PDB file of N, CA and C in Angstrom:
ATOM      1  N   MET A   1      24.696  22.779  -1.122  1.00  0.00           N
ATOM      2  CA  MET A   1      23.035  22.230  -0.937  1.00  0.00           C
ATOM      3  C   MET A   1      22.751  21.028  -0.982  1.00  0.00           C
ATOM      4  N   GLU A   2      23.626  19.988  -1.532  1.00  0.00           N
ATOM      5  CA  GLU A   2      23.331  19.043  -1.427  1.00  0.00           C
ATOM      6  C   GLU A   2      23.524  18.067   0.211  1.00  0.00           C
ATOM      7  N   GLU A   3      24.786  18.803   0.371  1.00  0.00           N
ATOM      8  CA  GLU A   3      25.048  18.296   1.554  1.00  0.00           C
ATOM      9  C   GLU A   3      23.699  18.664   2.725  1.00  0.00           C
ATOM     10  N   ILE A   4      23.445  19.938   2.707  1.00  0.00           N
ATOM     11  CA  ILE A   4      22.318  20.151   3.717  1.00  0.00           C
ATOM     12  C   ILE A   4      20.870  19.774   3.397  1.00  0.00           C
ATOM     13  N   GLU A   5      20.549  19.254   2.280  1.00  0.00           N
ATOM     14  CA  GLU A   5      19.613  18.199   2.143  1.00  0.00           C
ATOM     15  C   GLU A   5      20.046  17.075   2.524  1.00  0.00           C
ATOM     16  N   VAL A   6      20.921  16.340   2.294  1.00  0.00           N
ATOM     17  CA  VAL A   6      21.143  15.072   3.059  1.00  0.00           C
ATOM     18  C   VAL A   6      21.171  15.251   4.445  1.00  0.00           C
ATOM     19  N   TYR A   7      21.517  16.062   4.919  1.00  0.00           N
ATOM     20  CA  TYR A   7      21.193  16.443   6.637  1.00  0.00           C
ATOM     21  C   TYR A   7      20.099  16.765   6.689  1.00  0.00           C
ATOM     22  N   LEU A   8      19.171  17.393   6.131  1.00  0.00           N
ATOM     23  CA  LEU A   8      17.546  17.502   6.584  1.00  0.00           C
ATOM     24  C   LEU A   8      16.870  16.350   6.466  1.00  0.00           C
ATOM     25  N   LYS A   9      17.330  15.241   5.368  1.00  0.00           N
ATOM     26  CA  LYS A   9      16.623  14.192   5.099  1.00  0.00           C
ATOM     27  C   LYS A   9      16.893  13.467   6.343  1.00  0.00           C
ATOM     28  N   GLU A  10      18.073  13.371   7.001  1.00  0.00           N
ATOM     29  CA  GLU A  10      18.517  12.869   7.975  1.00  0.00           C
ATOM     30  C   GLU A  10      17.718  13.168   9.534  1.00  0.00           C
ATOM     31  N   LYS A  11      17.494  14.318   9.585  1.00  0.00           N
ATOM     32  CA  LYS A  11      17.384  15.235  10.893  1.00  0.00           C
ATOM     33  C   LYS A  11      15.608  15.634  11.202  1.00  0.00           C
ATOM     34  N   THR A  12      15.186  15.630   9.894  1.00  0.00           N
ATOM     35  CA  THR A  12      13.826  15.939   9.767  1.00  0.00           C
ATOM     36  C   THR A  12      12.685  15.227   8.803  1.00  0.00           C
ATOM     37  N   VAL A  13      11.493  15.393   9.093  1.00  0.00           N
ATOM     38  CA  VAL A  13      10.433  14.529   8.561  1.00  0.00           C
ATOM     39  C   VAL A  13      10.056  14.898   7.184  1.00  0.00           C
ATOM     40  N   SER A  14      10.102  14.414   6.032  1.00  0.00           N
ATOM     41  CA  SER A  14       9.563  14.003   4.854  1.00  0.00           C
ATOM     42  C   SER A  14       8.114  14.857   4.940  1.00  0.00           C
ATOM     43  N   SER A  15       8.060  16.011   3.978  1.00  0.00           N
ATOM     44  CA  SER A  15       6.699  16.469   3.862  1.00  0.00           C
ATOM     45  C   SER A  15       6.062  16.187   2.704  1.00  0.00           C
ATOM     46  N   GLY A  16       6.754  15.083   1.911  1.00  0.00           N
ATOM     47  CA  GLY A  16       6.292  14.429   0.614  1.00  0.00           C
ATOM     48  C   GLY A  16       6.605  15.291  -0.748  1.00  0.00           C
ATOM     49  N   MET A  17       7.496  16.561  -0.512  1.00  0.00           N
ATOM     50  CA  MET A  17       7.335  17.570  -1.527  1.00  0.00           C
ATOM     51  C   MET A  17       9.281  17.622  -1.287  1.00  0.00           C
ATOM     52  N   LYS A  18       9.903  17.723  -2.645  1.00  0.00           N
ATOM     53  CA  LYS A  18      11.127  17.173  -2.290  1.00  0.00           C
ATOM     54  C   LYS A  18      12.079  18.718  -1.828  1.00  0.00           C
ATOM     55  N   GLU A  19      11.521  19.988  -2.007  1.00  0.00           N
ATOM     56  CA  GLU A  19      12.260  20.818  -1.459  1.00  0.00           C
ATOM     57  C   GLU A  19      11.245  21.045  -0.187  1.00  0.00           C
ATOM     58  N   ILE A  20      10.714  20.350   0.707  1.00  0.00           N
ATOM     59  CA  ILE A  20      10.089  21.280   1.768  1.00  0.00           C
ATOM     60  C   ILE A  20      10.217  20.047   3.231  1.00  0.00           C
ATOM     61  N   PHE A  21      10.966  20.331   4.260  1.00  0.00           N
ATOM     62  CA  PHE A  21      11.028  19.373   5.288  1.00  0.00           C
ATOM     63  C   PHE A  21      10.347  20.019   6.576  1.00  0.00           C
ATOM     64  N   TRP A  22      10.034  19.024   7.418  1.00  0.00           N
ATOM     65  CA  TRP A  22       9.313  19.547   8.389  1.00  0.00           C
ATOM     66  C   TRP A  22      10.159  18.982   9.936  1.00  0.00           C
ATOM     67  N   LEU A  23      10.217  20.190  10.304  1.00  0.00           N
ATOM     68  CA  LEU A  23      10.940  19.932  11.688  1.00  0.00           C
ATOM     69  C   LEU A  23      10.134  19.960  12.498  1.00  0.00           C
ATOM     70  N   GLU A  24       9.679  19.066  13.115  1.00  0.00           N
ATOM     71  CA  GLU A  24       8.914  18.188  14.510  1.00  0.00           C
ATOM     72  C   GLU A  24       8.990  19.086  15.809  1.00  0.00           C
ATOM     73  N   ILE A  25       7.864  19.699  16.220  1.00  0.00           N
ATOM     74  CA  ILE A  25       8.327  20.706  17.450  1.00  0.00           C
ATOM     75  C   ILE A  25       7.796  19.843  18.729  1.00  0.00           C
ATOM     76  N   PRO A  26       9.306  19.366  19.915  1.00  0.00           N
ATOM     77  CA  PRO A  26       8.824  18.524  20.474  1.00  0.00           C
ATOM     78  C   PRO A  26       7.525  18.890  21.532  1.00  0.00           C
ATOM     79  N   GLU A  27       6.971  18.061  22.018  1.00  0.00           N
ATOM     80  CA  GLU A  27       5.326  18.367  22.921  1.00  0.00           C
ATOM     81  C   GLU A  27       5.574  19.241  23.938  1.00  0.00           C
ATOM     82  N   ARG A  28       6.949  19.272  24.757  1.00  0.00           N
ATOM     83  CA  ARG A  28       7.400  20.314  25.715  1.00  0.00           C
ATOM     84  C   ARG A  28       7.391  21.550  25.318  1.00  0.00           C
ATOM     85  N   LEU A  29       7.533  22.015  24.056  1.00  0.00           N
ATOM     86  CA  LEU A  29       7.376  23.122  23.354  1.00  0.00           C
ATOM     87  C   LEU A  29       5.874  23.886  22.735  1.00  0.00           C
ATOM     88  N   LEU A  30       5.096  22.916  22.763  1.00  0.00           N
ATOM     89  CA  LEU A  30       3.586  23.199  21.885  1.00  0.00           C
ATOM     90  C   LEU A  30       3.154  24.420  23.231  1.00  0.00           C
ATOM     91  N   SER A  31       2.362  25.181  22.369  1.00  0.00           N
ATOM     92  CA  SER A  31       1.862  26.405  22.839  1.00  0.00           C
ATOM     93  C   SER A  31       0.260  25.947  23.522  1.00  0.00           C
ATOM     94  N   PRO A  32       0.016  26.261  24.582  1.00  0.00           N
ATOM     95  CA  PRO A  32      -1.464  25.821  25.087  1.00  0.00           C
ATOM     96  C   PRO A  32      -2.088  25.346  24.303  1.00  0.00           C
ATOM     97  N   VAL A  33      -2.545  25.917  23.287  1.00  0.00           N
ATOM     98  CA  VAL A  33      -3.546  25.902  21.996  1.00  0.00           C
ATOM     99  C   VAL A  33      -3.448  24.366  21.338  1.00  0.00           C
ATOM    100  N   GLN A  34      -1.942  24.500  20.947  1.00  0.00           N
ATOM    101  CA  GLN A  34      -1.572  23.402  20.540  1.00  0.00           C
ATOM    102  C   GLN A  34      -1.504  22.208  21.045  1.00  0.00           C
ATOM    103  N   GLU A  35      -1.038  22.405  22.608  1.00  0.00           N
ATOM    104  CA  GLU A  35      -1.556  21.067  23.450  1.00  0.00           C
ATOM    105  C   GLU A  35      -3.117  20.421  23.596  1.00  0.00           C
ATOM    106  N   GLU A  36      -3.993  21.602  23.252  1.00  0.00           N
ATOM    107  CA  GLU A  36      -5.471  20.995  23.276  1.00  0.00           C
ATOM    108  C   GLU A  36      -5.605  20.524  21.944  1.00  0.00           C
ATOM    109  N   HIS A  37      -4.933  20.677  20.892  1.00  0.00           N
ATOM    110  CA  HIS A  37      -4.979  20.273  19.608  1.00  0.00           C
ATOM    111  C   HIS A  37      -4.143  19.179  19.175  1.00  0.00           C
ATOM    112  N   LYS A  38      -3.837  18.402  20.025  1.00  0.00           N
ATOM    113  CA  LYS A  38      -3.075  17.218  19.685  1.00  0.00           C
ATOM    114  C   LYS A  38      -3.465  15.995  18.771  1.00  0.00           C
ATOM    115  N   ALA A  39      -4.837  16.207  18.355  1.00  0.00           N
ATOM    116  CA  ALA A  39      -5.495  15.544  17.530  1.00  0.00           C
ATOM    117  C   ALA A  39      -5.267  16.116  15.579  1.00  0.00           C
ATOM    118  N   CYS A  40      -4.526  17.278  16.063  1.00  0.00           N
ATOM    119  CA  CYS A  40      -4.250  18.282  15.060  1.00  0.00           C
ATOM    120  C   CYS A  40      -2.753  17.882  14.196  1.00  0.00           C
ATOM    121  N   GLY A  41      -2.052  17.435  15.474  1.00  0.00           N
ATOM    122  CA  GLY A  41      -0.532  17.166  15.281  1.00  0.00           C
ATOM    123  C   GLY A  41      -0.162  15.916  14.597  1.00  0.00           C
ATOM    124  N   PRO A  42       1.224  15.961  14.040  1.00  0.00           N
ATOM    125  CA  PRO A  42       2.205  16.668  14.614  1.00  0.00           C
ATOM    126  C   PRO A  42       2.393  18.259  14.381  1.00  0.00           C
ATOM    127  N   HIS A  43       2.700  18.924  15.226  1.00  0.00           N
ATOM    128  CA  HIS A  43       3.283  20.275  14.779  1.00  0.00           C
ATOM    129  C   HIS A  43       4.509  20.442  14.614  1.00  0.00           C
ATOM    130  N   TYR A  44       4.877  21.513  13.568  1.00  0.00           N
ATOM    131  CA  TYR A  44       5.865  21.278  12.802  1.00  0.00           C
ATOM    132  C   TYR A  44       6.468  22.691  12.549  1.00  0.00           C
ATOM    133  N   LEU A  45       7.575  23.144  12.000  1.00  0.00           N
ATOM    134  CA  LEU A  45       7.917  24.125  11.302  1.00  0.00           C
ATOM    135  C   LEU A  45       8.568  23.860  10.163  1.00  0.00           C
ATOM    136  N   ALA A  46       8.133  24.568   8.953  1.00  0.00           N
ATOM    137  CA  ALA A  46       8.732  24.322   7.852  1.00  0.00           C
ATOM    138  C   ALA A  46      10.011  24.604   7.274  1.00  0.00           C
ATOM    139  N   ILE A  47      10.748  23.766   6.585  1.00  0.00           N
ATOM    140  CA  ILE A  47      12.118  24.379   6.233  1.00  0.00           C
ATOM    141  C   ILE A  47      12.204  23.913   4.686  1.00  0.00           C
ATOM    142  N   GLU A  48      12.457  25.250   3.517  1.00  0.00           N
ATOM    143  CA  GLU A  48      12.299  25.208   2.402  1.00  0.00           C
ATOM    144  C   GLU A  48      14.118  25.209   1.717  1.00  0.00           C
ATOM    145  N   THR A  49      14.117  24.530   0.822  1.00  0.00           N
ATOM    146  CA  THR A  49      15.474  24.649   0.291  1.00  0.00           C
ATOM    147  C   THR A  49      15.306  24.621  -1.340  1.00  0.00           C
ATOM    148  N   GLY A  50      15.748  25.301  -1.940  1.00  0.00           N
ATOM    149  CA  GLY A  50      16.251  25.728  -3.313  1.00  0.00           C
ATOM    150  C   GLY A  50      17.357  25.537  -4.038  1.00  0.00           C
ATOM    151  N   GLN A  51      17.525  25.914  -5.016  1.00  0.00           N
ATOM    152  CA  GLN A  51      18.869  25.653  -5.818  1.00  0.00           C
ATOM    153  C   GLN A  51      20.267  26.173  -4.938  1.00  0.00           C
ATOM    154  N   ASP A  52      20.032  27.437  -4.351  1.00  0.00           N
ATOM    155  CA  ASP A  52      20.779  28.195  -3.763  1.00  0.00           C
ATOM    156  C   ASP A  52      20.605  28.744  -2.433  1.00  0.00           C
ATOM    157  N   PHE A  53      19.699  28.018  -1.909  1.00  0.00           N
ATOM    158  CA  PHE A  53      19.128  28.700  -0.739  1.00  0.00           C
ATOM    159  C   PHE A  53      18.569  27.784   0.207  1.00  0.00           C
ATOM    160  N   ILE A  54      18.148  28.285   1.544  1.00  0.00           N
ATOM    161  CA  ILE A  54      17.595  27.598   2.781  1.00  0.00           C
ATOM    162  C   ILE A  54      16.331  28.523   3.472  1.00  0.00           C
ATOM    163  N   LYS A  55      15.196  28.401   3.517  1.00  0.00           N
ATOM    164  CA  LYS A  55      14.342  29.482   4.410  1.00  0.00           C
ATOM    165  C   LYS A  55      13.904  28.393   5.582  1.00  0.00           C
ATOM    166  N   PHE A  56      13.818  29.335   6.698  1.00  0.00           N
ATOM    167  CA  PHE A  56      13.209  28.715   8.047  1.00  0.00           C
ATOM    168  C   PHE A  56      11.880  29.404   8.029  1.00  0.00           C
ATOM    169  N   GLU A  57      10.679  28.861   8.013  1.00  0.00           N
ATOM    170  CA  GLU A  57       9.557  29.050   8.388  1.00  0.00           C
ATOM    171  C   GLU A  57       9.142  29.192   9.618  1.00  0.00           C
ATOM    172  N   PHE A  58       8.677  30.413  10.291  1.00  0.00           N
ATOM    173  CA  PHE A  58       8.200  30.729  12.167  1.00  0.00           C
ATOM    174  C   PHE A  58       6.470  30.532  11.875  1.00  0.00           C
ATOM    175  N   LEU A  59       5.921  29.929  10.749  1.00  0.00           N
ATOM    176  CA  LEU A  59       4.493  29.347  11.006  1.00  0.00           C
ATOM    177  C   LEU A  59       4.781  28.211  11.884  1.00  0.00           C
ATOM    178  N   VAL A  60       4.157  27.646  12.804  1.00  0.00           N
ATOM    179  CA  VAL A  60       3.788  26.335  13.260  1.00  0.00           C
ATOM    180  C   VAL A  60       2.539  25.993  12.698  1.00  0.00           C
ATOM    181  N   ARG A  61       3.116  24.859  12.087  1.00  0.00           N
ATOM    182  CA  ARG A  61       1.770  24.081  11.224  1.00  0.00           C
ATOM    183  C   ARG A  61       1.431  22.925  11.874  1.00  0.00           C
ATOM    184  N   CYS A  62       0.214  22.170  11.518  1.00  0.00           N
ATOM    185  CA  CYS A  62      -0.192  21.091  11.803  1.00  0.00           C
ATOM    186  C   CYS A  62      -0.280  19.956  10.722  1.00  0.00           C
ATOM    187  N   ARG A  63      -0.099  18.808  11.362  1.00  0.00           N
ATOM    188  CA  ARG A  63      -0.084  17.677  10.036  1.00  0.00           C
ATOM    189  C   ARG A  63      -1.650  17.416   9.446  1.00  0.00           C
ATOM    190  N   ASN A  64      -2.338  17.591  10.357  1.00  0.00           N
ATOM    191  CA  ASN A  64      -4.219  16.783   9.938  1.00  0.00           C
ATOM    192  C   ASN A  64      -4.979  18.057   9.544  1.00  0.00           C
ATOM    193  N   ARG A  65      -4.709  19.246   9.801  1.00  0.00           N
ATOM    194  CA  ARG A  65      -5.097  20.286   9.486  1.00  0.00           C
ATOM    195  C   ARG A  65      -4.757  21.485   8.725  1.00  0.00           C
ATOM    196  N   LEU A  66      -5.434  22.147   7.792  1.00  0.00           N
ATOM    197  CA  LEU A  66      -4.743  23.412   7.093  1.00  0.00           C
ATOM    198  C   LEU A  66      -5.208  24.656   7.999  1.00  0.00           C
ATOM    199  N   ARG A  67      -6.358  24.450   8.097  1.00  0.00           N
ATOM    200  CA  ARG A  67      -6.467  26.002   9.518  1.00  0.00           C
ATOM    201  C   ARG A  67      -7.206  25.498  10.213  1.00  0.00           C
ATOM    202  N   CYS A  68      -6.684  26.299  11.403  1.00  0.00           N
ATOM    203  CA  CYS A  68      -7.040  25.588  12.612  1.00  0.00           C
ATOM    204  C   CYS A  68      -6.700  26.718  13.583  1.00  0.00           C
ATOM    205  N   ASP A  69      -7.195  27.217  14.727  1.00  0.00           N
ATOM    206  CA  ASP A  69      -6.566  28.101  15.718  1.00  0.00           C
ATOM    207  C   ASP A  69      -5.023  27.290  16.243  1.00  0.00           C
ATOM    208  N   CYS A  70      -4.426  26.297  16.292  1.00  0.00           N
ATOM    209  CA  CYS A  70      -3.798  25.593  16.575  1.00  0.00           C
ATOM    210  C   CYS A  70      -2.049  26.121  15.434  1.00  0.00           C
ATOM    211  N   VAL A  71      -2.657  26.704  14.249  1.00  0.00           N
ATOM    212  CA  VAL A  71      -1.462  27.230  13.383  1.00  0.00           C
ATOM    213  C   VAL A  71      -1.502  28.532  13.621  1.00  0.00           C
ATOM    214  N   GLN A  72       0.057  28.752  14.130  1.00  0.00           N
ATOM    215  CA  GLN A  72       0.032  29.959  14.615  1.00  0.00           C
ATOM    216  C   GLN A  72       1.189  30.680  14.593  1.00  0.00           C
ATOM    217  N   TYR A  73       1.975  31.843  14.977  1.00  0.00           N
ATOM    218  CA  TYR A  73       3.273  32.114  14.702  1.00  0.00           C
ATOM    219  C   TYR A  73       3.970  31.480  15.856  1.00  0.00           C
ATOM    220  N   ALA A  74       5.181  30.864  15.490  1.00  0.00           N
ATOM    221  CA  ALA A  74       6.024  30.266  16.578  1.00  0.00           C
ATOM    222  C   ALA A  74       6.232  31.129  17.941  1.00  0.00           C
ATOM    223  N   THR A  75       6.038  30.645  18.689  1.00  0.00           N
ATOM    224  CA  THR A  75       6.196  31.299  20.256  1.00  0.00           C
ATOM    225  C   THR A  75       7.754  31.472  20.705  1.00  0.00           C
ATOM    226  N   PRO A  76       8.399  32.349  21.474  1.00  0.00           N
ATOM    227  CA  PRO A  76       9.510  32.403  21.549  1.00  0.00           C
ATOM    228  C   PRO A  76      10.225  31.154  21.779  1.00  0.00           C
ATOM    229  N   PRO A  77       9.793  30.136  22.706  1.00  0.00           N
ATOM    230  CA  PRO A  77      10.875  29.172  22.349  1.00  0.00           C
ATOM    231  C   PRO A  77      10.823  28.212  21.457  1.00  0.00           C
ATOM    232  N   GLN A  78       9.658  28.023  20.819  1.00  0.00           N
ATOM    233  CA  GLN A  78      10.078  27.537  19.458  1.00  0.00           C
ATOM    234  C   GLN A  78      10.595  28.470  18.354  1.00  0.00           C
ATOM    235  N   GLU A  79      11.049  29.591  18.533  1.00  0.00           N
ATOM    236  CA  GLU A  79      11.729  30.118  17.635  1.00  0.00           C
ATOM    237  C   GLU A  79      13.148  29.929  18.126  1.00  0.00           C
ATOM    238  N   THR A  80      13.152  29.781  19.104  1.00  0.00           N
ATOM    239  CA  THR A  80      14.891  29.498  19.897  1.00  0.00           C
ATOM    240  C   THR A  80      14.929  27.860  19.501  1.00  0.00           C
ATOM    241  N   TYR A  81      14.092  27.170  19.262  1.00  0.00           N
ATOM    242  CA  TYR A  81      14.234  25.689  18.803  1.00  0.00           C
ATOM    243  C   TYR A  81      14.802  25.600  17.528  1.00  0.00           C
ATOM    244  N   LEU A  82      14.096  26.439  16.603  1.00  0.00           N
ATOM    245  CA  LEU A  82      14.502  26.568  15.240  1.00  0.00           C
ATOM    246  C   LEU A  82      15.521  27.282  14.956  1.00  0.00           C
ATOM    247  N   MET A  83      15.957  28.137  15.544  1.00  0.00           N
ATOM    248  CA  MET A  83      17.303  28.922  15.565  1.00  0.00           C
ATOM    249  C   MET A  83      18.289  28.009  16.101  1.00  0.00           C
ATOM    250  N   ASP A  84      18.302  27.163  16.943  1.00  0.00           N
ATOM    251  CA  ASP A  84      19.308  26.063  17.605  1.00  0.00           C
ATOM    252  C   ASP A  84      19.379  25.158  16.604  1.00  0.00           C
ATOM    253  N   PHE A  85      18.415  24.548  15.606  1.00  0.00           N
ATOM    254  CA  PHE A  85      18.315  23.497  14.465  1.00  0.00           C
ATOM    255  C   PHE A  85      19.267  24.353  13.471  1.00  0.00           C
ATOM    256  N   ALA A  86      19.014  25.412  12.920  1.00  0.00           N
ATOM    257  CA  ALA A  86      19.719  25.862  12.013  1.00  0.00           C
ATOM    258  C   ALA A  86      21.195  26.461  12.561  1.00  0.00           C
ATOM    259  N   HIS A  87      21.592  26.742  13.751  1.00  0.00           N
ATOM    260  CA  HIS A  87      22.773  27.048  14.042  1.00  0.00           C
ATOM    261  C   HIS A  87      23.412  25.561  13.850  1.00  0.00           C
ATOM    262  N   THR A  88      23.068  24.456  14.525  1.00  0.00           N
ATOM    263  CA  THR A  88      23.595  23.240  14.275  1.00  0.00           C
ATOM    264  C   THR A  88      23.599  22.547  13.170  1.00  0.00           C
ATOM    265  N   LEU A  89      23.012  22.981  12.158  1.00  0.00           N
ATOM    266  CA  LEU A  89      22.980  22.432  10.698  1.00  0.00           C
ATOM    267  C   LEU A  89      24.505  23.284  10.173  1.00  0.00           C
ATOM    268  N   ILE A  90      24.616  24.416  10.414  1.00  0.00           N
ATOM    269  CA  ILE A  90      25.779  25.558  10.240  1.00  0.00           C
ATOM    270  C   ILE A  90      26.885  24.894  10.534  1.00  0.00           C
ATOM    271  N   GLN A  91      26.988  24.762  11.407  1.00  0.00           N
ATOM    272  CA  GLN A  91      28.131  24.295  12.483  1.00  0.00           C
ATOM    273  C   GLN A  91      28.663  22.710  12.217  1.00  0.00           C
ATOM    274  N   GLY A  92      27.366  21.920  11.711  1.00  0.00           N
ATOM    275  CA  GLY A  92      27.838  20.315  11.656  1.00  0.00           C
ATOM    276  C   GLY A  92      28.287  20.132  10.485  1.00  0.00           C
ATOM    277  N   LEU A  93      27.916  21.147   9.415  1.00  0.00           N
ATOM    278  CA  LEU A  93      28.262  20.933   8.234  1.00  0.00           C
ATOM    279  C   LEU A  93      29.589  21.880   7.956  1.00  0.00           C
ATOM    280  N   ASP A  94      29.977  22.533   8.941  1.00  0.00           N
ATOM    281  CA  ASP A  94      30.926  23.555   8.278  1.00  0.00           C
ATOM    282  C   ASP A  94      30.832  24.607   7.629  1.00  0.00           C
ATOM    283  N   LEU A  95      29.644  25.200   7.398  1.00  0.00           N
ATOM    284  CA  LEU A  95      29.308  26.187   6.254  1.00  0.00           C
ATOM    285  C   LEU A  95      29.844  27.429   6.483  1.00  0.00           C
ATOM    286  N   LYS A  96      30.523  28.078   5.393  1.00  0.00           N
ATOM    287  CA  LYS A  96      31.384  29.288   5.520  1.00  0.00           C
ATOM    288  C   LYS A  96      30.184  30.207   4.652  1.00  0.00           C
ATOM    289  N   ALA A  97      30.258  31.742   4.895  1.00  0.00           N
ATOM    290  CA  ALA A  97      29.774  32.644   4.236  1.00  0.00           C
ATOM    291  C   ALA A  97      30.421  32.701   2.967  1.00  0.00           C
TER     292      ALA A  97
END
């Protein structure tokens, strides 16, 4: 878990909470509503770590508002972006089951 947290600290944005990391969504992957709401951004997906787990959240959140129409479930390209990030983490750290 230490290696995972070091990796996340290097590759994501700090949320200000020890176990929560934000993976920013590139502008090219924003949904139409999220593109219209750039002032709400940046938009991100949350990653949570614990003593012996990592969780990837598929709800796109925004930094500047808690509730807004641009807070929505990830689109298929956003899901792929998160899954690719997870695979890169697993391969990069040579994690085994």
